[in-house]
């Protein structure tokens, strides 16, 4: 029995992993809800960066101030760029990787890279 999975809305590749509630592109890491297109999923809630720019899944952001990581002595320096972000529910709206560390951030501490 073969299943037809959608291609990634960001990179349009067909290597897709299926999780309980979402699809994940194995090429670029973008995730989107099962049964929804990425546009429908992001239309439910608007997340804005520190300067009022609307953020979307797959955007790249940079830190606008130094932030100490809780439980660690490491600091994310101003200007540190992320890998493509994923918007999530909760008080920390952004999941991403910065300097090789998977972290959750509040949108008020980042700016969208154009």
PDB file of N, CA and C in Angstrom:
ATOM      1  N   UNK A   1       0.842  -1.172   0.000  1.00  0.00           N
ATOM      2  CA  UNK A   1       0.000   0.000   0.000  1.00  0.00           C
ATOM      3  C   UNK A   1       0.887   1.234   0.000  1.00  0.00           C
ATOM      4  N   UNK A   2       0.816   2.053  -1.013  1.00  0.00           N
ATOM      5  CA  UNK A   2       1.645   3.248  -1.092  1.00  0.00           C
ATOM      6  C   UNK A   2       0.827   4.480  -0.714  1.00  0.00           C
ATOM      7  N   UNK A   3       1.481   5.391   0.012  1.00  0.00           N
ATOM      8  CA  UNK A   3       0.834   6.630   0.431  1.00  0.00           C
ATOM      9  C   UNK A   3       1.402   7.769  -0.401  1.00  0.00           C
ATOM     10  N   UNK A   4       0.553   8.715  -0.721  1.00  0.00           N
ATOM     11  CA  UNK A   4       0.993   9.889  -1.448  1.00  0.00           C
ATOM     12  C   UNK A   4       1.165  11.037  -0.458  1.00  0.00           C
ATOM     13  N   UNK A   5       2.412  11.446  -0.223  1.00  0.00           N
ATOM     14  CA  UNK A   5       2.689  12.527   0.697  1.00  0.00           C
ATOM     15  C   UNK A   5       2.892  13.808  -0.094  1.00  0.00           C
ATOM     16  N   UNK A   6       2.532  14.945   0.494  1.00  0.00           N
ATOM     17  CA  UNK A   6       2.746  16.213  -0.211  1.00  0.00           C
ATOM     18  C   UNK A   6       4.229  16.546  -0.284  1.00  0.00           C
ATOM     19  N   UNK A   7       4.596  17.404  -1.203  1.00  0.00           N
ATOM     20  CA  UNK A   7       5.975  17.881  -1.240  1.00  0.00           C
ATOM     21  C   UNK A   7       6.098  19.052  -0.267  1.00  0.00           C
ATOM     22  N   UNK A   8       7.303  19.330   0.139  1.00  0.00           N
ATOM     23  CA  UNK A   8       7.558  20.407   1.099  1.00  0.00           C
ATOM     24  C   UNK A   8       7.175  21.753   0.484  1.00  0.00           C
ATOM     25  N   UNK A   9       6.409  22.588   1.209  1.00  0.00           N
ATOM     26  CA  UNK A   9       6.033  23.893   0.675  1.00  0.00           C
ATOM     27  C   UNK A   9       7.207  24.864   0.559  1.00  0.00           C
ATOM     28  N   UNK A  10       8.316  24.611   1.272  1.00  0.00           N
ATOM     29  CA  UNK A  10       9.469  25.505   1.182  1.00  0.00           C
ATOM     30  C   UNK A  10      10.441  25.105   0.079  1.00  0.00           C
ATOM     31  N   UNK A  11      10.889  23.846   0.117  1.00  0.00           N
ATOM     32  CA  UNK A  11      11.927  23.426  -0.832  1.00  0.00           C
ATOM     33  C   UNK A  11      11.389  22.516  -1.936  1.00  0.00           C
ATOM     34  N   UNK A  12      10.119  22.115  -1.832  1.00  0.00           N
ATOM     35  CA  UNK A  12       9.432  21.294  -2.818  1.00  0.00           C
ATOM     36  C   UNK A  12      10.040  19.902  -3.009  1.00  0.00           C
ATOM     37  N   UNK A  13      10.795  19.414  -2.018  1.00  0.00           N
ATOM     38  CA  UNK A  13      11.344  18.067  -2.078  1.00  0.00           C
ATOM     39  C   UNK A  13      10.278  17.076  -1.619  1.00  0.00           C
ATOM     40  N   UNK A  14      10.460  15.794  -1.978  1.00  0.00           N
ATOM     41  CA  UNK A  14       9.471  14.776  -1.675  1.00  0.00           C
ATOM     42  C   UNK A  14       9.870  13.833  -0.552  1.00  0.00           C
ATOM     43  N   UNK A  15      10.993  14.057   0.104  1.00  0.00           N
ATOM     44  CA  UNK A  15      11.416  13.216   1.220  1.00  0.00           C
ATOM     45  C   UNK A  15      10.743  13.725   2.481  1.00  0.00           C
ATOM     46  N   UNK A  16       9.571  13.142   2.800  1.00  0.00           N
ATOM     47  CA  UNK A  16       8.714  13.633   3.879  1.00  0.00           C
ATOM     48  C   UNK A  16       8.550  12.557   4.950  1.00  0.00           C
ATOM     49  N   UNK A  17       8.720  12.949   6.212  1.00  0.00           N
ATOM     50  CA  UNK A  17       8.438  12.071   7.346  1.00  0.00           C
ATOM     51  C   UNK A  17       7.064  12.439   7.889  1.00  0.00           C
ATOM     52  N   UNK A  18       6.284  11.437   8.254  1.00  0.00           N
ATOM     53  CA  UNK A  18       4.947  11.675   8.786  1.00  0.00           C
ATOM     54  C   UNK A  18       4.967  11.403  10.284  1.00  0.00           C
ATOM     55  N   UNK A  19       4.589  12.415  11.061  1.00  0.00           N
ATOM     56  CA  UNK A  19       4.463  12.282  12.503  1.00  0.00           C
ATOM     57  C   UNK A  19       2.971  12.274  12.843  1.00  0.00           C
ATOM     58  N   UNK A  20       2.635  12.139  14.103  1.00  0.00           N
ATOM     59  CA  UNK A  20       1.240  12.053  14.520  1.00  0.00           C
ATOM     60  C   UNK A  20       0.413  13.247  14.060  1.00  0.00           C
ATOM     61  N   UNK A  21       0.941  14.449  14.227  1.00  0.00           N
ATOM     62  CA  UNK A  21       0.170  15.652  13.902  1.00  0.00           C
ATOM     63  C   UNK A  21       0.760  16.495  12.781  1.00  0.00           C
ATOM     64  N   UNK A  22       1.923  16.134  12.278  1.00  0.00           N
ATOM     65  CA  UNK A  22       2.526  16.983  11.257  1.00  0.00           C
ATOM     66  C   UNK A  22       3.404  16.192  10.291  1.00  0.00           C
ATOM     67  N   UNK A  23       3.714  16.855   9.173  1.00  0.00           N
ATOM     68  CA  UNK A  23       4.693  16.353   8.212  1.00  0.00           C
ATOM     69  C   UNK A  23       6.006  17.069   8.488  1.00  0.00           C
ATOM     70  N   UNK A  24       7.130  16.395   8.186  1.00  0.00           N
ATOM     71  CA  UNK A  24       8.439  17.026   8.326  1.00  0.00           C
ATOM     72  C   UNK A  24       9.257  16.733   7.082  1.00  0.00           C
ATOM     73  N   UNK A  25       9.822  17.785   6.488  1.00  0.00           N
ATOM     74  CA  UNK A  25      10.694  17.620   5.329  1.00  0.00           C
ATOM     75  C   UNK A  25      12.058  17.168   5.827  1.00  0.00           C
ATOM     76  N   UNK A  26      12.536  16.030   5.320  1.00  0.00           N
ATOM     77  CA  UNK A  26      13.828  15.511   5.745  1.00  0.00           C
ATOM     78  C   UNK A  26      14.987  16.284   5.121  1.00  0.00           C
ATOM     79  N   UNK A  27      14.700  17.059   4.086  1.00  0.00           N
ATOM     80  CA  UNK A  27      15.741  17.837   3.419  1.00  0.00           C
ATOM     81  C   UNK A  27      16.031  19.144   4.144  1.00  0.00           C
ATOM     82  N   UNK A  28      14.972  19.959   4.412  1.00  0.00           N
ATOM     83  CA  UNK A  28      15.193  21.277   5.014  1.00  0.00           C
ATOM     84  C   UNK A  28      14.717  21.383   6.460  1.00  0.00           C
ATOM     85  N   UNK A  29      13.967  20.385   6.962  1.00  0.00           N
ATOM     86  CA  UNK A  29      13.517  20.404   8.348  1.00  0.00           C
ATOM     87  C   UNK A  29      12.204  21.139   8.585  1.00  0.00           C
ATOM     88  N   UNK A  30      11.590  21.690   7.532  1.00  0.00           N
ATOM     89  CA  UNK A  30      10.315  22.413   7.680  1.00  0.00           C
ATOM     90  C   UNK A  30       9.216  21.453   8.116  1.00  0.00           C
ATOM     91  N   UNK A  31       8.351  21.899   9.039  1.00  0.00           N
ATOM     92  CA  UNK A  31       7.232  21.088   9.502  1.00  0.00           C
ATOM     93  C   UNK A  31       5.929  21.839   9.261  1.00  0.00           C
ATOM     94  N   UNK A  32       4.854  21.086   8.935  1.00  0.00           N
ATOM     95  CA  UNK A  32       3.533  21.669   8.760  1.00  0.00           C
ATOM     96  C   UNK A  32       2.485  20.646   9.155  1.00  0.00           C
ATOM     97  N   UNK A  33       1.284  21.118   9.584  1.00  0.00           N
ATOM     98  CA  UNK A  33       0.253  20.213  10.097  1.00  0.00           C
ATOM     99  C   UNK A  33      -0.273  19.248   9.045  1.00  0.00           C
ATOM    100  N   UNK A  34      -0.592  18.026   9.477  1.00  0.00           N
ATOM    101  CA  UNK A  34      -1.227  17.044   8.605  1.00  0.00           C
ATOM    102  C   UNK A  34      -2.629  17.540   8.294  1.00  0.00           C
ATOM    103  N   UNK A  35      -3.026  17.492   7.047  1.00  0.00           N
ATOM    104  CA  UNK A  35      -4.373  17.889   6.651  1.00  0.00           C
ATOM    105  C   UNK A  35      -4.539  19.366   6.389  1.00  0.00           C
ATOM    106  N   UNK A  36      -3.512  20.156   6.619  1.00  0.00           N
ATOM    107  CA  UNK A  36      -3.572  21.586   6.358  1.00  0.00           C
ATOM    108  C   UNK A  36      -2.416  21.981   5.464  1.00  0.00           C
ATOM    109  N   UNK A  37      -2.647  22.936   4.597  1.00  0.00           N
ATOM    110  CA  UNK A  37      -1.519  23.493   3.852  1.00  0.00           C
ATOM    111  C   UNK A  37      -0.775  24.431   4.786  1.00  0.00           C
ATOM    112  N   UNK A  38       0.444  24.789   4.489  1.00  0.00           N
ATOM    113  CA  UNK A  38       1.216  25.653   5.379  1.00  0.00           C
ATOM    114  C   UNK A  38       0.594  27.038   5.484  1.00  0.00           C
ATOM    115  N   UNK A  39      -0.119  27.501   4.444  1.00  0.00           N
ATOM    116  CA  UNK A  39      -0.757  28.807   4.502  1.00  0.00           C
ATOM    117  C   UNK A  39      -1.914  28.800   5.495  1.00  0.00           C
ATOM    118  N   UNK A  40      -2.703  27.725   5.540  1.00  0.00           N
ATOM    119  CA  UNK A  40      -3.830  27.654   6.463  1.00  0.00           C
ATOM    120  C   UNK A  40      -3.340  27.581   7.900  1.00  0.00           C
ATOM    121  N   UNK A  41      -2.278  26.843   8.155  1.00  0.00           N
ATOM    122  CA  UNK A  41      -1.756  26.706   9.505  1.00  0.00           C
ATOM    123  C   UNK A  41      -1.210  28.014  10.056  1.00  0.00           C
ATOM    124  N   UNK A  42      -0.563  28.816   9.227  1.00  0.00           N
ATOM    125  CA  UNK A  42       0.010  30.062   9.706  1.00  0.00           C
ATOM    126  C   UNK A  42      -1.017  31.183   9.762  1.00  0.00           C
ATOM    127  N   UNK A  43      -2.172  31.042   9.097  1.00  0.00           N
ATOM    128  CA  UNK A  43      -3.181  32.083   9.086  1.00  0.00           C
ATOM    129  C   UNK A  43      -3.932  32.163  10.415  1.00  0.00           C
ATOM    130  N   UNK A  44      -3.867  31.118  11.237  1.00  0.00           N
ATOM    131  CA  UNK A  44      -4.586  31.097  12.496  1.00  0.00           C
ATOM    132  C   UNK A  44      -4.040  32.120  13.492  1.00  0.00           C
ATOM    133  N   UNK A  45      -2.743  32.370  13.467  1.00  0.00           N
ATOM    134  CA  UNK A  45      -2.115  33.235  14.446  1.00  0.00           C
ATOM    135  C   UNK A  45      -1.011  34.030  13.771  1.00  0.00           C
ATOM    136  N   UNK A  46      -0.882  35.279  14.127  1.00  0.00           N
ATOM    137  CA  UNK A  46       0.167  36.122  13.568  1.00  0.00           C
ATOM    138  C   UNK A  46       1.233  36.348  14.623  1.00  0.00           C
ATOM    139  N   UNK A  47       2.477  36.033  14.272  1.00  0.00           N
ATOM    140  CA  UNK A  47       3.610  36.254  15.164  1.00  0.00           C
ATOM    141  C   UNK A  47       4.482  37.314  14.514  1.00  0.00           C
ATOM    142  N   UNK A  48       4.813  38.358  15.302  1.00  0.00           N
ATOM    143  CA  UNK A  48       5.625  39.466  14.784  1.00  0.00           C
ATOM    144  C   UNK A  48       6.926  39.567  15.556  1.00  0.00           C
ATOM    145  N   UNK A  49       7.990  39.967  14.837  1.00  0.00           N
ATOM    146  CA  UNK A  49       9.286  40.150  15.483  1.00  0.00           C
ATOM    147  C   UNK A  49       9.312  41.467  16.259  1.00  0.00           C
ATOM    148  N   UNK A  50      10.459  41.836  16.772  1.00  0.00           N
ATOM    149  CA  UNK A  50      10.597  43.039  17.591  1.00  0.00           C
ATOM    150  C   UNK A  50      10.276  44.318  16.830  1.00  0.00           C
ATOM    151  N   UNK A  51      10.348  44.292  15.497  1.00  0.00           N
ATOM    152  CA  UNK A  51      10.100  45.476  14.690  1.00  0.00           C
ATOM    153  C   UNK A  51       8.752  45.435  13.975  1.00  0.00           C
ATOM    154  N   UNK A  52       7.904  44.460  14.312  1.00  0.00           N
ATOM    155  CA  UNK A  52       6.575  44.385  13.723  1.00  0.00           C
ATOM    156  C   UNK A  52       6.481  43.625  12.419  1.00  0.00           C
ATOM    157  N   UNK A  53       7.558  42.996  11.965  1.00  0.00           N
ATOM    158  CA  UNK A  53       7.518  42.189  10.745  1.00  0.00           C
ATOM    159  C   UNK A  53       6.857  40.857  11.054  1.00  0.00           C
ATOM    160  N   UNK A  54       5.953  40.409  10.185  1.00  0.00           N
ATOM    161  CA  UNK A  54       5.252  39.148  10.382  1.00  0.00           C
ATOM    162  C   UNK A  54       6.211  37.996  10.099  1.00  0.00           C
ATOM    163  N   UNK A  55       6.279  37.035  11.026  1.00  0.00           N
ATOM    164  CA  UNK A  55       7.141  35.868  10.877  1.00  0.00           C
ATOM    165  C   UNK A  55       6.335  34.688  10.370  1.00  0.00           C
ATOM    166  N   UNK A  56       6.978  33.814   9.617  1.00  0.00           N
ATOM    167  CA  UNK A  56       6.352  32.602   9.088  1.00  0.00           C
ATOM    168  C   UNK A  56       7.322  31.443   9.254  1.00  0.00           C
ATOM    169  N   UNK A  57       6.799  30.223   9.199  1.00  0.00           N
ATOM    170  CA  UNK A  57       7.652  29.044   9.240  1.00  0.00           C
ATOM    171  C   UNK A  57       8.672  29.128   8.115  1.00  0.00           C
ATOM    172  N   UNK A  58       9.923  28.827   8.430  1.00  0.00           N
ATOM    173  CA  UNK A  58      10.974  28.841   7.419  1.00  0.00           C
ATOM    174  C   UNK A  58      11.747  30.141   7.340  1.00  0.00           C
ATOM    175  N   UNK A  59      11.292  31.198   8.024  1.00  0.00           N
ATOM    176  CA  UNK A  59      12.042  32.455   8.027  1.00  0.00           C
ATOM    177  C   UNK A  59      13.342  32.278   8.801  1.00  0.00           C
ATOM    178  N   UNK A  60      14.294  33.158   8.530  1.00  0.00           N
ATOM    179  CA  UNK A  60      15.551  33.195   9.275  1.00  0.00           C
ATOM    180  C   UNK A  60      15.537  34.472  10.101  1.00  0.00           C
ATOM    181  N   UNK A  61      15.898  34.360  11.384  1.00  0.00           N
ATOM    182  CA  UNK A  61      15.889  35.507  12.279  1.00  0.00           C
ATOM    183  C   UNK A  61      17.259  35.700  12.905  1.00  0.00           C
ATOM    184  N   UNK A  62      17.475  36.908  13.464  1.00  0.00           N
ATOM    185  CA  UNK A  62      18.725  37.219  14.162  1.00  0.00           C
ATOM    186  C   UNK A  62      18.382  37.838  15.510  1.00  0.00           C
ATOM    187  N   UNK A  63      19.241  37.620  16.488  1.00  0.00           N
ATOM    188  CA  UNK A  63      19.046  38.169  17.832  1.00  0.00           C
ATOM    189  C   UNK A  63      19.232  39.678  17.806  1.00  0.00           C
ATOM    190  N   UNK A  64      18.411  40.410  18.578  1.00  0.00           N
ATOM    191  CA  UNK A  64      18.557  41.866  18.662  1.00  0.00           C
ATOM    192  C   UNK A  64      19.243  42.295  19.951  1.00  0.00           C
ATOM    193  N   UNK A  65      19.452  41.348  20.875  1.00  0.00           N
ATOM    194  CA  UNK A  65      20.176  41.643  22.107  1.00  0.00           C
ATOM    195  C   UNK A  65      20.812  40.349  22.609  1.00  0.00           C
ATOM    196  N   UNK A  66      21.802  40.473  23.477  1.00  0.00           N
ATOM    197  CA  UNK A  66      22.424  39.295  24.078  1.00  0.00           C
ATOM    198  C   UNK A  66      21.439  38.650  25.042  1.00  0.00           C
ATOM    199  N   UNK A  67      21.318  37.328  24.976  1.00  0.00           N
ATOM    200  CA  UNK A  67      20.456  36.585  25.891  1.00  0.00           C
ATOM    201  C   UNK A  67      21.227  35.438  26.512  1.00  0.00           C
ATOM    202  N   UNK A  68      21.202  35.359  27.843  1.00  0.00           N
ATOM    203  CA  UNK A  68      21.816  34.234  28.539  1.00  0.00           C
ATOM    204  C   UNK A  68      20.843  33.068  28.503  1.00  0.00           C
ATOM    205  N   UNK A  69      21.332  31.888  28.148  1.00  0.00           N
ATOM    206  CA  UNK A  69      20.489  30.696  28.123  1.00  0.00           C
ATOM    207  C   UNK A  69      20.317  30.179  29.541  1.00  0.00           C
ATOM    208  N   UNK A  70      19.071  29.955  29.937  1.00  0.00           N
ATOM    209  CA  UNK A  70      18.800  29.471  31.293  1.00  0.00           C
ATOM    210  C   UNK A  70      19.412  28.086  31.490  1.00  0.00           C
ATOM    211  N   UNK A  71      19.981  27.869  32.668  1.00  0.00           N
ATOM    212  CA  UNK A  71      20.573  26.583  32.993  1.00  0.00           C
ATOM    213  C   UNK A  71      21.933  26.359  32.365  1.00  0.00           C
ATOM    214  N   UNK A  72      22.522  27.408  31.827  1.00  0.00           N
ATOM    215  CA  UNK A  72      23.800  27.281  31.143  1.00  0.00           C
ATOM    216  C   UNK A  72      24.571  28.589  31.297  1.00  0.00           C
ATOM    217  N   UNK A  73      25.858  28.534  31.037  1.00  0.00           N
ATOM    218  CA  UNK A  73      26.657  29.764  31.069  1.00  0.00           C
ATOM    219  C   UNK A  73      26.792  30.367  29.677  1.00  0.00           C
ATOM    220  N   UNK A  74      26.142  29.758  28.683  1.00  0.00           N
ATOM    221  CA  UNK A  74      26.244  30.212  27.300  1.00  0.00           C
ATOM    222  C   UNK A  74      25.350  31.418  27.050  1.00  0.00           C
ATOM    223  N   UNK A  75      25.815  32.321  26.173  1.00  0.00           N
ATOM    224  CA  UNK A  75      25.074  33.533  25.811  1.00  0.00           C
ATOM    225  C   UNK A  75      24.894  33.560  24.301  1.00  0.00           C
ATOM    226  N   UNK A  76      23.664  33.837  23.865  1.00  0.00           N
ATOM    227  CA  UNK A  76      23.412  34.081  22.443  1.00  0.00           C
ATOM    228  C   UNK A  76      23.686  35.558  22.196  1.00  0.00           C
ATOM    229  N   UNK A  77      24.670  35.853  21.381  1.00  0.00           N
ATOM    230  CA  UNK A  77      25.101  37.227  21.148  1.00  0.00           C
ATOM    231  C   UNK A  77      24.189  37.935  20.152  1.00  0.00           C
ATOM    232  N   UNK A  78      24.166  39.251  20.228  1.00  0.00           N
ATOM    233  CA  UNK A  78      23.407  40.059  19.295  1.00  0.00           C
ATOM    234  C   UNK A  78      23.889  39.759  17.867  1.00  0.00           C
ATOM    235  N   UNK A  79      22.962  39.622  16.943  1.00  0.00           N
ATOM    236  CA  UNK A  79      23.299  39.339  15.551  1.00  0.00           C
ATOM    237  C   UNK A  79      23.402  37.859  15.212  1.00  0.00           C
ATOM    238  N   UNK A  80      23.323  36.969  16.203  1.00  0.00           N
ATOM    239  CA  UNK A  80      23.386  35.531  15.928  1.00  0.00           C
ATOM    240  C   UNK A  80      22.198  35.129  15.076  1.00  0.00           C
ATOM    241  N   UNK A  81      22.466  34.465  13.952  1.00  0.00           N
ATOM    242  CA  UNK A  81      21.399  34.072  13.025  1.00  0.00           C
ATOM    243  C   UNK A  81      20.942  32.649  13.310  1.00  0.00           C
ATOM    244  N   UNK A  82      19.663  32.412  13.016  1.00  0.00           N
ATOM    245  CA  UNK A  82      19.075  31.090  13.227  1.00  0.00           C
ATOM    246  C   UNK A  82      19.091  30.287  11.942  1.00  0.00           C
ATOM    247  N   UNK A  83      18.797  29.010  12.084  1.00  0.00           N
ATOM    248  CA  UNK A  83      18.426  28.182  10.943  1.00  0.00           C
ATOM    249  C   UNK A  83      16.961  28.508  10.674  1.00  0.00           C
ATOM    250  N   UNK A  84      16.319  27.969   9.634  1.00  0.00           N
ATOM    251  CA  UNK A  84      14.889  28.265   9.420  1.00  0.00           C
ATOM    252  C   UNK A  84      14.063  27.936  10.674  1.00  0.00           C
ATOM    253  N   UNK A  85      13.175  28.877  11.018  1.00  0.00           N
ATOM    254  CA  UNK A  85      12.403  28.749  12.253  1.00  0.00           C
ATOM    255  C   UNK A  85      11.111  27.973  12.045  1.00  0.00           C
ATOM    256  N   UNK A  86      10.535  27.547  13.170  1.00  0.00           N
ATOM    257  CA  UNK A  86       9.217  26.911  13.175  1.00  0.00           C
ATOM    258  C   UNK A  86       8.403  27.616  14.243  1.00  0.00           C
ATOM    259  N   UNK A  87       7.216  28.104  13.882  1.00  0.00           N
ATOM    260  CA  UNK A  87       6.330  28.773  14.833  1.00  0.00           C
ATOM    261  C   UNK A  87       5.541  27.733  15.610  1.00  0.00           C
ATOM    262  N   UNK A  88       5.442  27.928  16.916  1.00  0.00           N
ATOM    263  CA  UNK A  88       4.748  26.990  17.795  1.00  0.00           C
ATOM    264  C   UNK A  88       3.819  27.763  18.720  1.00  0.00           C
ATOM    265  N   UNK A  89       2.886  27.058  19.350  1.00  0.00           N
ATOM    266  CA  UNK A  89       2.004  27.665  20.341  1.00  0.00           C
ATOM    267  C   UNK A  89       2.729  27.737  21.676  1.00  0.00           C
ATOM    268  N   UNK A  90       2.326  28.690  22.497  1.00  0.00           N
ATOM    269  CA  UNK A  90       2.931  28.847  23.810  1.00  0.00           C
ATOM    270  C   UNK A  90       3.522  30.229  23.976  1.00  0.00           C
ATOM    271  N   UNK A  91       4.140  30.469  25.126  1.00  0.00           N
ATOM    272  CA  UNK A  91       4.712  31.795  25.363  1.00  0.00           C
ATOM    273  C   UNK A  91       6.013  32.014  24.605  1.00  0.00           C
ATOM    274  N   UNK A  92       6.712  30.962  24.238  1.00  0.00           N
ATOM    275  CA  UNK A  92       7.886  31.050  23.362  1.00  0.00           C
ATOM    276  C   UNK A  92       7.417  30.631  21.973  1.00  0.00           C
ATOM    277  N   UNK A  93       7.246  31.598  21.074  1.00  0.00           N
ATOM    278  CA  UNK A  93       6.595  31.361  19.790  1.00  0.00           C
ATOM    279  C   UNK A  93       7.482  30.699  18.744  1.00  0.00           C
ATOM    280  N   UNK A  94       8.800  30.694  18.940  1.00  0.00           N
ATOM    281  CA  UNK A  94       9.729  30.253  17.904  1.00  0.00           C
ATOM    282  C   UNK A  94      10.562  29.069  18.393  1.00  0.00           C
ATOM    283  N   UNK A  95      10.622  28.012  17.592  1.00  0.00           N
ATOM    284  CA  UNK A  95      11.568  26.911  17.787  1.00  0.00           C
ATOM    285  C   UNK A  95      12.580  27.006  16.655  1.00  0.00           C
ATOM    286  N   UNK A  96      13.871  26.953  16.990  1.00  0.00           N
ATOM    287  CA  UNK A  96      14.896  27.033  15.949  1.00  0.00           C
ATOM    288  C   UNK A  96      16.215  26.511  16.501  1.00  0.00           C
ATOM    289  N   UNK A  97      17.216  26.532  15.645  1.00  0.00           N
ATOM    290  CA  UNK A  97      18.579  26.201  16.059  1.00  0.00           C
ATOM    291  C   UNK A  97      19.442  27.437  15.856  1.00  0.00           C
ATOM    292  N   UNK A  98      20.230  27.743  16.883  1.00  0.00           N
ATOM    293  CA  UNK A  98      21.217  28.821  16.812  1.00  0.00           C
ATOM    294  C   UNK A  98      22.508  28.277  17.386  1.00  0.00           C
ATOM    295  N   UNK A  99      23.589  28.481  16.702  1.00  0.00           N
ATOM    296  CA  UNK A  99      24.896  27.978  17.136  1.00  0.00           C
ATOM    297  C   UNK A  99      24.848  26.486  17.454  1.00  0.00           C
ATOM    298  N   UNK A 100      24.036  25.734  16.704  1.00  0.00           N
ATOM    299  CA  UNK A 100      23.951  24.293  16.878  1.00  0.00           C
ATOM    300  C   UNK A 100      23.114  23.830  18.059  1.00  0.00           C
ATOM    301  N   UNK A 101      22.417  24.749  18.717  1.00  0.00           N
ATOM    302  CA  UNK A 101      21.598  24.423  19.881  1.00  0.00           C
ATOM    303  C   UNK A 101      20.127  24.622  19.526  1.00  0.00           C
ATOM    304  N   UNK A 102      19.293  23.621  19.795  1.00  0.00           N
ATOM    305  CA  UNK A 102      17.852  23.756  19.582  1.00  0.00           C
ATOM    306  C   UNK A 102      17.280  24.543  20.755  1.00  0.00           C
ATOM    307  N   UNK A 103      16.605  25.678  20.443  1.00  0.00           N
ATOM    308  CA  UNK A 103      16.076  26.537  21.497  1.00  0.00           C
ATOM    309  C   UNK A 103      14.680  27.036  21.139  1.00  0.00           C
ATOM    310  N   UNK A 104      13.975  27.492  22.160  1.00  0.00           N
ATOM    311  CA  UNK A 104      12.683  28.161  21.998  1.00  0.00           C
ATOM    312  C   UNK A 104      12.894  29.623  22.370  1.00  0.00           C
ATOM    313  N   UNK A 105      12.396  30.520  21.521  1.00  0.00           N
ATOM    314  CA  UNK A 105      12.594  31.956  21.735  1.00  0.00           C
ATOM    315  C   UNK A 105      11.274  32.702  21.708  1.00  0.00           C
ATOM    316  N   UNK A 106      11.256  33.840  22.373  1.00  0.00           N
ATOM    317  CA  UNK A 106      10.145  34.769  22.239  1.00  0.00           C
ATOM    318  C   UNK A 106      10.454  35.661  21.045  1.00  0.00           C
ATOM    319  N   UNK A 107       9.430  35.976  20.264  1.00  0.00           N
ATOM    320  CA  UNK A 107       9.608  36.759  19.045  1.00  0.00           C
ATOM    321  C   UNK A 107      10.108  38.180  19.334  1.00  0.00           C
ATOM    322  N   UNK A 108       9.917  38.681  20.543  1.00  0.00           N
ATOM    323  CA  UNK A 108      10.323  40.034  20.872  1.00  0.00           C
ATOM    324  C   UNK A 108      11.842  40.216  20.937  1.00  0.00           C
ATOM    325  N   UNK A 109      12.608  39.115  20.905  1.00  0.00           N
ATOM    326  CA  UNK A 109      14.062  39.196  20.980  1.00  0.00           C
ATOM    327  C   UNK A 109      14.742  38.968  19.631  1.00  0.00           C
ATOM    328  N   UNK A 110      13.987  38.888  18.563  1.00  0.00           N
ATOM    329  CA  UNK A 110      14.576  38.613  17.247  1.00  0.00           C
ATOM    330  C   UNK A 110      14.065  39.581  16.196  1.00  0.00           C
ATOM    331  N   UNK A 111      14.819  39.667  15.091  1.00  0.00           N
ATOM    332  CA  UNK A 111      14.353  40.415  13.932  1.00  0.00           C
ATOM    333  C   UNK A 111      14.456  39.509  12.718  1.00  0.00           C
ATOM    334  N   UNK A 112      13.521  39.681  11.806  1.00  0.00           N
ATOM    335  CA  UNK A 112      13.485  38.886  10.584  1.00  0.00           C
ATOM    336  C   UNK A 112      14.597  39.349   9.655  1.00  0.00           C
ATOM    337  N   UNK A 113      15.308  38.385   9.076  1.00  0.00           N
ATOM    338  CA  UNK A 113      16.355  38.685   8.106  1.00  0.00           C
ATOM    339  C   UNK A 113      15.696  38.704   6.729  1.00  0.00           C
ATOM    340  N   UNK A 114      15.829  39.794   6.031  1.00  0.00           N
ATOM    341  CA  UNK A 114      15.176  39.956   4.726  1.00  0.00           C
ATOM    342  C   UNK A 114      15.924  39.219   3.648  1.00  0.00           C
TER     343      UNK A 114
END
